[in-house]
Amino acid sequence: MVQLAEETREVDLLGMGVCVRVPWARGIARVRDGQAADFARTRESDYLIDANNPTGYAQVIEAWNPGPTLIRCHTIGLDLVTQWTTNCGLVYLLTDGHGSTRLVTDPDGDVTHDPYNQQDQWFTYDAYGNMLSSFSGAVLTDLLYAGEQRDADTDLYYLRARYYDPSTGRFTALDPAAGSPQDPISLHKYLYCGANPVMNTDPTGTMSLGELAAVTSITTMLANCVTTFLATTSITEHIKTRGCPDGVFLSFGGVVSCRGFTAGVTPTFYYDFDSRVVSLLITGEAGLAPLSIFHGHQGLGALLMVGLSFNANGPEALSGLGSVATWPAVMAKTVLPINIRGWYYFLTALAARNVSGTQLTKHRGVIQFGYSFSGAAYLAYGLYFNVFAATVGYTSHPITLGEVPHKARAVFEDVKSMLLDYVQ
């Protein structure tokens, strides 16, 4: 069984004489000789650990025997991509939707076989990770069920905090997480994935991704409800007193999301109806994005939003601290109050309006409520990499770009008149 003792070492990664400190670990595998209490031999290996890879969890990228001799290295993306070993060279690991390795292929795409009995490297598992295929040859990789490391001598999976035994569906040690009384099954100290391994994985050995997503989603929902309430209150008061919005804006930017968190930078072009001036504002934001816990929603993304501002006497009102609630567009009828729902439908005139609300489930369509601590608010629609997120941010002081040309100004005035007529 492998025991990892983590440390840092200076390593010349590029072979250019420039050393950097990287996470390193020593693994000691003790192999039983058949007697319950005795160990016949030990095997030591050194592991180079990458804790900042796209999977969000520490992964072994190199393994060395004493000497040192490089025996294995990995290429890591959102999943493990390739593996190189001294015996078989470069191979590709093909995974299923659960992250489990199903095929091992060579660079030409042909299924590889072990060099001893020529058996093809393809694998099937039951829900808990026990192999179902009648595979008796040498396995060319130890990254198998859920993409995790299997110890060939004990048939246990290393899940970082503790080991998992697929034959029993249990961990071999107590759960270091306390669990929650509101979720009784989480109080079981040995159960794997809350007895639901089909829907969950547990790469940390402490909490399944499904449980983590549930906790993050509830927190995001509560934060979004607060922001939505503050924004709709401000918008409603403005509509009652003035009717027409204060301005219109276009935002576009980039975001990065991983492990339930998101951060990004967004430039915004804002046109104020009263001053007839275009300004530029830049916002930096960070917060929660529950879906980014899962691989398909991680990485770099973009946003493109168009919206209307309310209760803002100039773009300065949008500067400073604020919060943003991002909801899937399909939830429009649920989260929008009746008295401002018409504004949203006007803003998304190309969307279908029917008894079940807007049906914009493609291309990550979202609605956003923004609330500035100055009291200003906005309502926007667009495309966003995170279809469900709660963020806080800081918006810079507006940079005046100049007055809009006369012809373009006439278009804005027509839009303003149209909006006013629509409200009345």
Protein backbone atom coordinates (compact mmCIF):
# COMPACT_ATOMS: atom_id res chain seq x y z
CA MET A 1 0.00 0.00 0.00
CA VAL A 2 1.44 3.38 -0.97
CA GLN A 3 2.13 5.90 1.77
CA LEU A 4 2.78 9.45 0.51
CA ALA A 5 5.03 11.74 2.53
CA GLU A 6 4.80 15.11 0.83
CA GLU A 7 7.64 17.64 0.64
CA THR A 8 9.07 20.10 -1.88
CA ARG A 9 12.23 19.79 -3.93
CA GLU A 10 14.16 21.92 -6.37
CA VAL A 11 13.79 20.38 -9.83
CA ASP A 12 15.22 21.45 -13.19
CA LEU A 13 11.99 20.85 -15.16
CA LEU A 14 13.24 22.24 -18.48
CA GLY A 15 16.80 20.90 -18.34
CA MET A 16 18.18 24.45 -18.62
CA GLY A 17 19.80 24.77 -15.22
CA VAL A 18 16.88 26.74 -13.75
CA CYS A 19 15.42 24.97 -10.73
CA VAL A 20 11.99 25.53 -9.25
CA ARG A 21 10.45 24.14 -6.06
CA VAL A 22 7.72 21.62 -6.79
CA PRO A 23 5.59 19.28 -4.66
CA TRP A 24 7.25 15.88 -4.29
CA ALA A 25 6.25 12.72 -2.48
CA ARG A 26 7.81 9.39 -1.56
CA GLY A 27 5.70 6.29 -1.85
CA ILE A 28 6.51 3.09 0.00
CA ALA A 29 4.69 -0.03 -1.18
CA ARG A 30 4.79 -2.96 1.25
CA VAL A 31 3.82 -6.21 -0.45
CA ARG A 32 2.44 -9.10 1.61
CA ASP A 33 3.98 -12.58 1.14
CA GLY A 34 0.78 -14.40 2.10
CA GLN A 35 1.07 -14.12 5.87
CA ALA A 36 -1.25 -11.67 7.59
CA ALA A 37 1.36 -9.84 9.63
CA ASP A 38 4.58 -10.16 7.59
CA PHE A 39 5.90 -8.21 4.65
CA ALA A 40 8.25 -9.96 2.27
CA ARG A 41 9.63 -6.92 0.48
CA THR A 42 9.29 -3.19 0.11
CA ARG A 43 9.32 -1.03 -2.99
CA GLU A 44 10.06 2.68 -2.92
CA SER A 45 9.19 5.21 -5.62
CA ASP A 46 9.37 8.98 -5.82
CA TYR A 47 6.43 10.91 -7.25
CA LEU A 48 6.37 14.39 -8.76
CA ILE A 49 3.01 15.91 -7.76
CA ASP A 50 1.15 18.58 -9.74
CA ALA A 51 -1.34 20.26 -7.41
CA ASN A 52 -2.36 22.97 -9.93
CA ASN A 53 -3.57 20.89 -12.86
CA PRO A 54 -7.00 21.41 -14.55
CA THR A 55 -8.62 18.50 -12.68
CA GLY A 56 -8.50 20.57 -9.50
CA TYR A 57 -6.86 17.78 -7.48
CA ALA A 58 -3.25 16.77 -6.87
CA GLN A 59 -2.08 14.32 -9.55
CA VAL A 60 1.09 12.28 -10.07
CA ILE A 61 2.82 13.45 -13.25
CA GLU A 62 6.12 11.55 -12.86
CA ALA A 63 7.20 8.41 -11.02
CA TRP A 64 10.85 7.56 -10.35
CA ASN A 65 12.64 4.50 -9.02
CA PRO A 66 15.67 4.92 -6.73
CA GLY A 67 18.68 5.73 -8.84
CA PRO A 68 16.89 7.83 -9.97
CA THR A 69 15.23 6.27 -13.02
CA LEU A 70 12.12 7.69 -14.64
CA ILE A 71 9.58 4.87 -14.98
CA ARG A 72 6.31 6.69 -15.76
CA CYS A 73 5.02 10.14 -16.66
CA HIS A 74 1.54 11.50 -17.39
CA THR A 75 -0.03 14.31 -19.38
CA ILE A 76 -2.91 15.84 -17.42
CA GLY A 77 -5.84 17.81 -18.87
CA LEU A 78 -9.39 17.81 -17.54
CA ASP A 79 -8.74 14.06 -17.39
CA LEU A 80 -5.59 12.03 -17.80
CA VAL A 81 -4.63 12.23 -21.48
CA THR A 82 -1.48 10.20 -22.05
CA GLN A 83 0.89 7.95 -20.16
CA TRP A 84 4.51 7.08 -20.93
CA THR A 85 6.27 4.12 -19.38
CA THR A 86 9.66 2.51 -19.96
CA ASN A 87 8.00 -0.78 -20.96
CA CYS A 88 5.25 0.39 -23.35
CA GLY A 89 6.17 3.91 -24.41
CA LEU A 90 3.43 6.44 -25.10
CA VAL A 91 -0.22 5.36 -24.79
CA TYR A 92 -3.56 7.20 -24.64
CA LEU A 93 -6.15 6.51 -21.95
CA LEU A 94 -9.75 6.76 -23.16
CA THR A 95 -12.29 7.40 -20.41
CA ASP A 96 -16.08 7.20 -20.08
CA GLY A 97 -18.41 9.82 -18.64
CA HIS A 98 -17.55 8.71 -15.12
CA GLY A 99 -13.84 9.31 -15.72
CA SER A 100 -12.96 5.60 -15.67
CA THR A 101 -10.34 4.31 -18.10
CA ARG A 102 -12.04 2.05 -20.66
CA LEU A 103 -9.43 1.67 -23.39
CA VAL A 104 -5.68 2.05 -23.71
CA THR A 105 -4.57 2.89 -27.25
CA ASP A 106 -1.35 3.64 -29.05
CA PRO A 107 -0.75 6.97 -30.86
CA ASP A 108 -2.35 5.49 -34.02
CA GLY A 109 -5.62 4.79 -32.18
CA ASP A 110 -5.22 1.00 -32.04
CA VAL A 111 -6.07 -0.77 -28.79
CA THR A 112 -2.86 -1.81 -27.07
CA HIS A 113 -2.20 -5.19 -25.46
CA ASP A 114 0.09 -6.30 -22.71
CA PRO A 115 3.47 -7.57 -23.94
CA TYR A 116 3.16 -10.95 -22.24
CA ASN A 117 -0.09 -12.62 -23.31
CA GLN A 118 -1.22 -10.11 -25.99
CA GLN A 119 -4.53 -9.38 -24.23
CA ASP A 120 -6.25 -6.16 -25.33
CA GLN A 121 -6.34 -3.35 -22.79
CA TRP A 122 -10.07 -2.67 -22.38
CA PHE A 123 -11.91 -2.58 -19.08
CA THR A 124 -15.46 -2.61 -17.71
CA TYR A 125 -16.54 -1.97 -14.13
CA ASP A 126 -19.57 -2.27 -11.93
CA ALA A 127 -20.95 0.79 -10.12
CA TYR A 128 -18.44 0.52 -7.28
CA GLY A 129 -15.35 -0.01 -9.46
CA ASN A 130 -14.94 -3.79 -9.50
CA MET A 131 -13.72 -5.02 -12.86
CA LEU A 132 -16.33 -6.99 -14.79
CA SER A 133 -14.29 -7.92 -17.85
CA SER A 134 -12.43 -11.21 -17.69
CA PHE A 135 -9.07 -9.48 -17.76
CA SER A 136 -6.16 -11.60 -16.56
CA GLY A 137 -3.20 -9.92 -18.24
CA ALA A 138 -0.86 -7.19 -17.08
CA VAL A 139 -2.62 -3.83 -16.76
CA LEU A 140 -0.57 -1.11 -18.48
CA THR A 141 -1.90 1.70 -16.27
CA ASP A 142 -2.84 2.02 -12.62
CA LEU A 143 -5.30 4.88 -13.27
CA LEU A 144 -8.55 2.96 -13.72
CA TYR A 145 -11.91 3.42 -11.95
CA ALA A 146 -12.95 7.12 -11.89
CA GLY A 147 -9.45 7.89 -13.18
CA GLU A 148 -7.94 7.22 -9.77
CA GLN A 149 -4.78 5.34 -8.83
CA ARG A 150 -5.18 1.63 -8.11
CA ASP A 151 -2.66 -0.23 -6.00
CA ALA A 152 -2.02 -3.48 -7.88
CA ASP A 153 -0.88 -5.35 -4.76
CA THR A 154 -3.93 -4.60 -2.62
CA ASP A 155 -6.60 -3.71 -5.23
CA LEU A 156 -7.31 -0.53 -3.25
CA TYR A 157 -7.77 2.92 -4.81
CA TYR A 158 -5.82 5.88 -3.49
CA LEU A 159 -8.27 8.79 -3.03
CA ARG A 160 -5.82 11.17 -1.36
CA ALA A 161 -7.33 11.39 2.15
CA ARG A 162 -7.75 7.61 2.42
CA TYR A 163 -7.97 4.34 0.48
CA TYR A 164 -11.11 2.87 -1.05
CA ASP A 165 -11.94 -0.83 -1.37
CA PRO A 166 -14.27 -1.44 -4.36
CA SER A 167 -15.00 -5.02 -3.26
CA THR A 168 -16.87 -3.72 -0.19
CA GLY A 169 -17.88 -0.24 -1.39
CA ARG A 170 -16.22 1.17 1.72
CA PHE A 171 -13.16 3.20 2.66
CA THR A 172 -10.47 1.62 4.79
CA ALA A 173 -10.28 4.49 7.28
CA LEU A 174 -12.58 6.91 9.06
CA ASP A 175 -13.90 9.92 7.13
CA PRO A 176 -11.95 13.02 8.28
CA ALA A 177 -15.04 15.13 7.44
CA ALA A 178 -17.61 15.38 10.22
CA GLY A 179 -20.71 15.07 8.02
CA SER A 180 -23.98 16.92 8.50
CA PRO A 181 -27.04 15.99 10.62
CA GLN A 182 -29.18 17.43 7.82
CA ASP A 183 -27.74 14.75 5.51
CA PRO A 184 -27.77 11.58 7.66
CA ILE A 185 -25.99 9.40 5.11
CA SER A 186 -22.97 11.72 5.29
CA LEU A 187 -22.54 10.67 8.93
CA HIS A 188 -21.49 7.18 7.82
CA LYS A 189 -17.70 7.18 8.30
CA TYR A 190 -16.80 4.56 5.70
CA LEU A 191 -19.46 4.72 2.97
CA TYR A 192 -18.27 5.57 -0.54
CA CYS A 193 -20.13 8.40 -2.35
CA GLY A 194 -23.14 8.19 -0.07
CA ALA A 195 -23.96 4.73 -1.49
CA ASN A 196 -24.60 6.38 -4.90
CA PRO A 197 -21.43 5.84 -6.97
CA VAL A 198 -23.36 6.03 -10.25
CA MET A 199 -24.07 9.75 -9.80
CA ASN A 200 -21.08 10.74 -7.65
CA THR A 201 -17.31 10.46 -7.45
CA ASP A 202 -15.06 11.20 -4.49
CA PRO A 203 -11.56 12.25 -5.63
CA THR A 204 -10.66 13.70 -2.21
CA GLY A 205 -11.82 10.81 -0.04
CA THR A 206 -13.81 13.22 2.12
CA MET A 207 -16.86 14.47 0.21
CA SER A 208 -18.33 13.35 -3.10
CA LEU A 209 -18.58 15.86 -5.95
CA GLY A 210 -22.36 15.51 -5.79
CA GLU A 211 -22.38 16.54 -2.13
CA LEU A 212 -20.00 19.42 -2.79
CA ALA A 213 -22.15 20.60 -5.70
CA ALA A 214 -25.26 20.49 -3.50
CA VAL A 215 -23.64 22.59 -0.76
CA THR A 216 -22.27 25.11 -3.28
CA SER A 217 -25.60 25.29 -5.11
CA ILE A 218 -27.54 26.04 -1.93
CA THR A 219 -25.07 28.79 -0.99
CA THR A 220 -25.26 30.25 -4.50
CA MET A 221 -29.04 30.11 -4.47
CA LEU A 222 -29.25 32.01 -1.16
CA ALA A 223 -26.77 34.66 -2.33
CA ASN A 224 -28.63 35.07 -5.62
CA CYS A 225 -31.97 35.46 -3.85
CA VAL A 226 -30.56 38.31 -1.75
CA THR A 227 -29.08 40.08 -4.79
CA THR A 228 -32.24 39.55 -6.83
CA PHE A 229 -34.41 40.95 -4.03
CA LEU A 230 -32.24 44.07 -3.66
CA ALA A 231 -32.09 44.63 -7.43
CA THR A 232 -35.81 44.12 -8.07
CA THR A 233 -36.71 46.42 -5.17
CA SER A 234 -34.52 49.16 -6.65
CA ILE A 235 -35.87 48.58 -10.17
CA THR A 236 -39.49 48.57 -9.01
CA GLU A 237 -39.09 51.86 -7.13
CA HIS A 238 -37.48 53.44 -10.17
CA ILE A 239 -40.24 52.28 -12.53
CA LYS A 240 -42.90 53.70 -10.22
CA THR A 241 -41.27 57.14 -10.10
CA ARG A 242 -39.58 57.56 -13.48
CA GLY A 243 -40.75 54.74 -15.71
CA CYS A 244 -37.91 54.75 -18.23
CA PRO A 245 -34.48 53.20 -17.54
CA ASP A 246 -31.48 55.47 -16.99
CA GLY A 247 -29.22 53.81 -19.53
CA VAL A 248 -28.35 50.84 -21.67
CA PHE A 249 -25.10 48.89 -21.69
CA LEU A 250 -23.14 46.16 -23.47
CA SER A 251 -20.73 43.96 -21.52
CA PHE A 252 -18.25 41.38 -22.72
CA GLY A 253 -15.40 39.68 -20.97
CA GLY A 254 -13.61 36.52 -19.94
CA VAL A 255 -13.99 34.24 -16.94
CA VAL A 256 -12.18 31.26 -15.50
CA SER A 257 -14.11 28.67 -13.48
CA CYS A 258 -12.94 25.63 -11.54
CA ARG A 259 -13.83 23.62 -8.40
CA GLY A 260 -17.01 25.61 -7.77
CA PHE A 261 -15.41 29.06 -8.03
CA THR A 262 -15.26 31.62 -10.80
CA ALA A 263 -13.47 34.92 -11.46
CA GLY A 264 -13.33 37.28 -14.40
CA VAL A 265 -12.85 40.77 -15.84
CA THR A 266 -15.62 42.54 -17.74
CA PRO A 267 -15.38 45.81 -19.75
CA THR A 268 -18.77 47.55 -20.12
CA PHE A 269 -19.83 50.24 -22.58
CA TYR A 270 -22.57 52.31 -20.98
CA TYR A 271 -24.84 54.87 -22.66
CA ASP A 272 -26.59 57.31 -20.34
CA PHE A 273 -29.96 58.51 -21.64
CA ASP A 274 -29.76 61.88 -19.85
CA SER A 275 -26.20 62.99 -20.63
CA ARG A 276 -26.13 61.17 -23.99
CA VAL A 277 -22.55 60.16 -23.31
CA VAL A 278 -20.86 56.78 -23.71
CA SER A 279 -18.62 55.64 -20.86
CA LEU A 280 -16.37 52.67 -20.24
CA LEU A 281 -16.43 50.78 -16.94
CA ILE A 282 -14.26 47.80 -16.02
CA THR A 283 -15.41 45.25 -13.46
CA GLY A 284 -13.46 42.56 -11.68
CA GLU A 285 -15.59 39.88 -10.03
CA ALA A 286 -15.28 36.57 -8.22
CA GLY A 287 -17.68 34.15 -6.60
CA LEU A 288 -19.39 30.77 -6.76
CA ALA A 289 -20.28 28.75 -9.86
CA PRO A 290 -21.55 25.31 -8.70
CA LEU A 291 -21.45 23.60 -12.10
CA SER A 292 -17.72 24.29 -12.44
CA ILE A 293 -17.17 21.47 -9.94
CA PHE A 294 -17.71 19.13 -12.90
CA HIS A 295 -15.23 18.80 -15.75
CA GLY A 296 -17.53 19.91 -18.56
CA HIS A 297 -18.04 23.32 -16.95
CA GLN A 298 -14.45 24.09 -15.99
CA GLY A 299 -11.87 26.22 -17.72
CA LEU A 300 -11.88 29.51 -19.59
CA GLY A 301 -15.12 31.02 -20.86
CA ALA A 302 -16.70 34.24 -22.03
CA LEU A 303 -19.76 36.38 -21.44
CA LEU A 304 -21.75 38.78 -23.62
CA MET A 305 -24.55 40.71 -21.93
CA VAL A 306 -26.91 43.53 -22.90
CA GLY A 307 -28.96 45.27 -20.25
CA LEU A 308 -30.77 48.28 -18.83
CA SER A 309 -29.82 50.24 -15.71
CA PHE A 310 -32.27 51.64 -13.18
CA ASN A 311 -32.05 54.06 -10.28
CA ALA A 312 -28.66 55.22 -11.59
CA ASN A 313 -28.07 58.96 -11.99
CA GLY A 314 -25.19 58.52 -14.37
CA PRO A 315 -22.64 55.73 -14.80
CA GLU A 316 -20.91 56.77 -11.55
CA ALA A 317 -23.74 55.08 -9.64
CA LEU A 318 -22.58 51.71 -10.96
CA SER A 319 -19.02 52.21 -9.69
CA GLY A 320 -17.71 50.62 -6.52
CA LEU A 321 -18.73 47.40 -4.84
CA GLY A 322 -21.70 45.36 -5.96
CA SER A 323 -23.11 41.87 -6.41
CA VAL A 324 -24.47 39.94 -9.38
CA ALA A 325 -26.98 37.09 -9.53
CA THR A 326 -26.80 34.93 -12.66
CA TRP A 327 -29.75 32.65 -13.38
CA PRO A 328 -30.44 30.29 -16.30
CA ALA A 329 -32.77 32.07 -18.73
CA VAL A 330 -35.23 29.20 -18.51
CA MET A 331 -35.92 30.31 -14.92
CA ALA A 332 -37.03 33.80 -15.97
CA LYS A 333 -40.65 33.38 -15.01
CA THR A 334 -39.66 31.99 -11.62
CA VAL A 335 -37.20 34.68 -10.49
CA LEU A 336 -38.76 37.79 -12.06
CA PRO A 337 -41.44 39.71 -10.17
CA ILE A 338 -44.66 40.25 -12.14
CA ASN A 339 -44.35 44.03 -12.16
CA ILE A 340 -41.01 44.01 -14.02
CA ARG A 341 -41.40 40.82 -16.03
CA GLY A 342 -42.43 42.84 -19.06
CA TRP A 343 -39.08 44.59 -19.09
CA TYR A 344 -37.28 41.30 -19.37
CA TYR A 345 -39.49 40.12 -22.20
CA PHE A 346 -38.94 43.40 -24.00
CA LEU A 347 -35.20 43.04 -23.56
CA THR A 348 -35.33 39.51 -24.97
CA ALA A 349 -37.86 40.10 -27.72
CA LEU A 350 -36.35 37.33 -29.82
CA ALA A 351 -37.01 34.78 -27.07
CA ALA A 352 -40.20 32.74 -26.94
CA ARG A 353 -42.79 34.05 -24.50
CA ASN A 354 -45.30 31.50 -23.32
CA VAL A 355 -46.91 30.11 -20.20
CA SER A 356 -43.75 28.29 -19.15
CA GLY A 357 -41.50 31.33 -19.44
CA THR A 358 -38.63 31.88 -21.82
CA GLN A 359 -37.25 28.72 -23.34
CA LEU A 360 -33.61 29.67 -23.81
CA THR A 361 -31.73 26.55 -22.86
CA LYS A 362 -29.20 26.69 -25.72
CA HIS A 363 -25.91 28.58 -25.82
CA ARG A 364 -25.89 29.16 -22.05
CA GLY A 365 -28.54 31.91 -22.12
CA VAL A 366 -28.83 33.70 -18.76
CA ILE A 367 -30.48 36.62 -17.06
CA GLN A 368 -28.56 38.75 -14.61
CA PHE A 369 -29.55 41.00 -11.74
CA GLY A 370 -26.87 43.45 -10.69
CA TYR A 371 -27.00 45.55 -7.56
CA SER A 372 -24.54 48.31 -6.69
CA PHE A 373 -24.10 49.25 -3.05
CA SER A 374 -24.92 52.83 -4.14
CA GLY A 375 -28.50 51.67 -4.75
CA ALA A 376 -28.37 51.40 -8.53
CA ALA A 377 -29.43 48.17 -10.21
CA TYR A 378 -29.61 46.57 -13.63
CA LEU A 379 -31.35 43.79 -15.49
CA ALA A 380 -29.53 42.05 -18.34
CA TYR A 381 -29.74 39.14 -20.71
CA GLY A 382 -26.98 37.40 -22.64
CA LEU A 383 -24.67 34.45 -23.01
CA TYR A 384 -22.48 33.41 -20.09
CA PHE A 385 -20.08 30.53 -19.54
CA ASN A 386 -21.55 30.11 -16.05
CA VAL A 387 -25.31 29.65 -16.35
CA PHE A 388 -25.70 29.74 -12.56
CA ALA A 389 -23.39 31.88 -10.44
CA ALA A 390 -23.26 34.33 -7.56
CA THR A 391 -20.46 36.88 -7.66
CA VAL A 392 -19.28 40.05 -5.98
CA GLY A 393 -17.12 42.60 -7.71
CA TYR A 394 -15.68 46.07 -7.92
CA THR A 395 -16.41 48.41 -10.84
CA SER A 396 -13.99 51.18 -11.77
CA HIS A 397 -14.87 54.85 -12.04
CA PRO A 398 -16.33 55.48 -15.54
CA ILE A 399 -14.06 56.65 -18.33
CA THR A 400 -15.89 59.10 -20.62
CA LEU A 401 -15.48 58.16 -24.26
CA GLY A 402 -17.51 61.05 -25.67
CA GLU A 403 -20.91 61.96 -26.97
CA VAL A 404 -22.71 59.69 -29.37
CA PRO A 405 -22.92 60.96 -32.98
CA HIS A 406 -26.20 62.62 -33.91
CA LYS A 407 -27.55 59.75 -36.03
CA ALA A 408 -26.77 57.14 -33.40
CA ARG A 409 -28.21 59.44 -30.73
CA ALA A 410 -31.47 59.57 -32.63
CA VAL A 411 -31.63 55.77 -32.52
CA PHE A 412 -31.14 55.77 -28.75
CA GLU A 413 -33.82 58.43 -28.36
CA ASP A 414 -36.21 56.29 -30.39
CA VAL A 415 -35.44 53.32 -28.15
CA LYS A 416 -36.00 55.45 -25.07
CA SER A 417 -39.36 56.68 -26.40
CA MET A 418 -40.34 53.13 -27.25
CA LEU A 419 -39.49 51.96 -23.74
CA LEU A 420 -41.47 54.81 -22.20
CA ASP A 421 -44.47 54.06 -24.40
CA TYR A 422 -44.20 50.40 -23.48
CA VAL A 423 -44.37 51.16 -19.76
CA GLN A 424 -47.28 53.57 -20.14
